[in-house]
Amino acid sequence: MKYCSICGAPVELRLPPDDSRSRHVCTACGEIHYQNPKLIVGAIPEWQDKILLCRRAIEPRHGLWTLPAGFMENGETTVEAAARETLEEANAQVDIGELYTLYNLPYINQVHLLFRARLLNLSFSPGVESLEVSLFAEEDIPWDTLAFRPVRFTLQHYFADRKTGDFRFRIGDLLPPGKTS
């Protein structure tokens, strides 16, 4: 951040009084600009024994497969965001169920939330951010071409839980790719 969104003056990193983190502070009006993690919200659309995946038409990870998900918008709930993203990316209507996974990715300032969802019908098609959409049985999941680690881990947990019939909430912190500690 270079300029204040309130008055347009330059900002500088400072430690505001009673704060523990450096923030962008306006040099003219004193406005403190807080920057917070982005929420990535999506769905695990289920149809019988299959899951709906989207092949990305946009960066990052163009051409790879993912669950329908994206940035939560102001003024919507997480459930609304998951349903909207599924509609936008797969033209699919879903009934959103319980929150299934939450992954913290502090190295890129993101939190990923994925909900179990029931696909309401088989009327789906690629949205503008998808090259194609398709239903996959567990044995057909394109594991080698999944776009994001939270999606991979979520699907691994989902299929393991489906075998036991006990779907439980999962939470985890992910390090940058390649880091082990």
Foldseek 3Di string as FASTA:
>chain_A
DAADPVPGAGWDFDADPPHDGTFTAGPPPGDTDDDAFWEKAAEQEDDPQWTKWFQFCDDDLHRFIFGQIGTDDPPDDSQVRHQVSCCQAKVWGWAWDAWQEWEAEVVRRYIYIYTYIYTPDPPIFGHPGGPTMDIDHPVRPPLVRHRDPVRNVSSVLVVVCVVVVHRDHYYYYDYPPPDDD
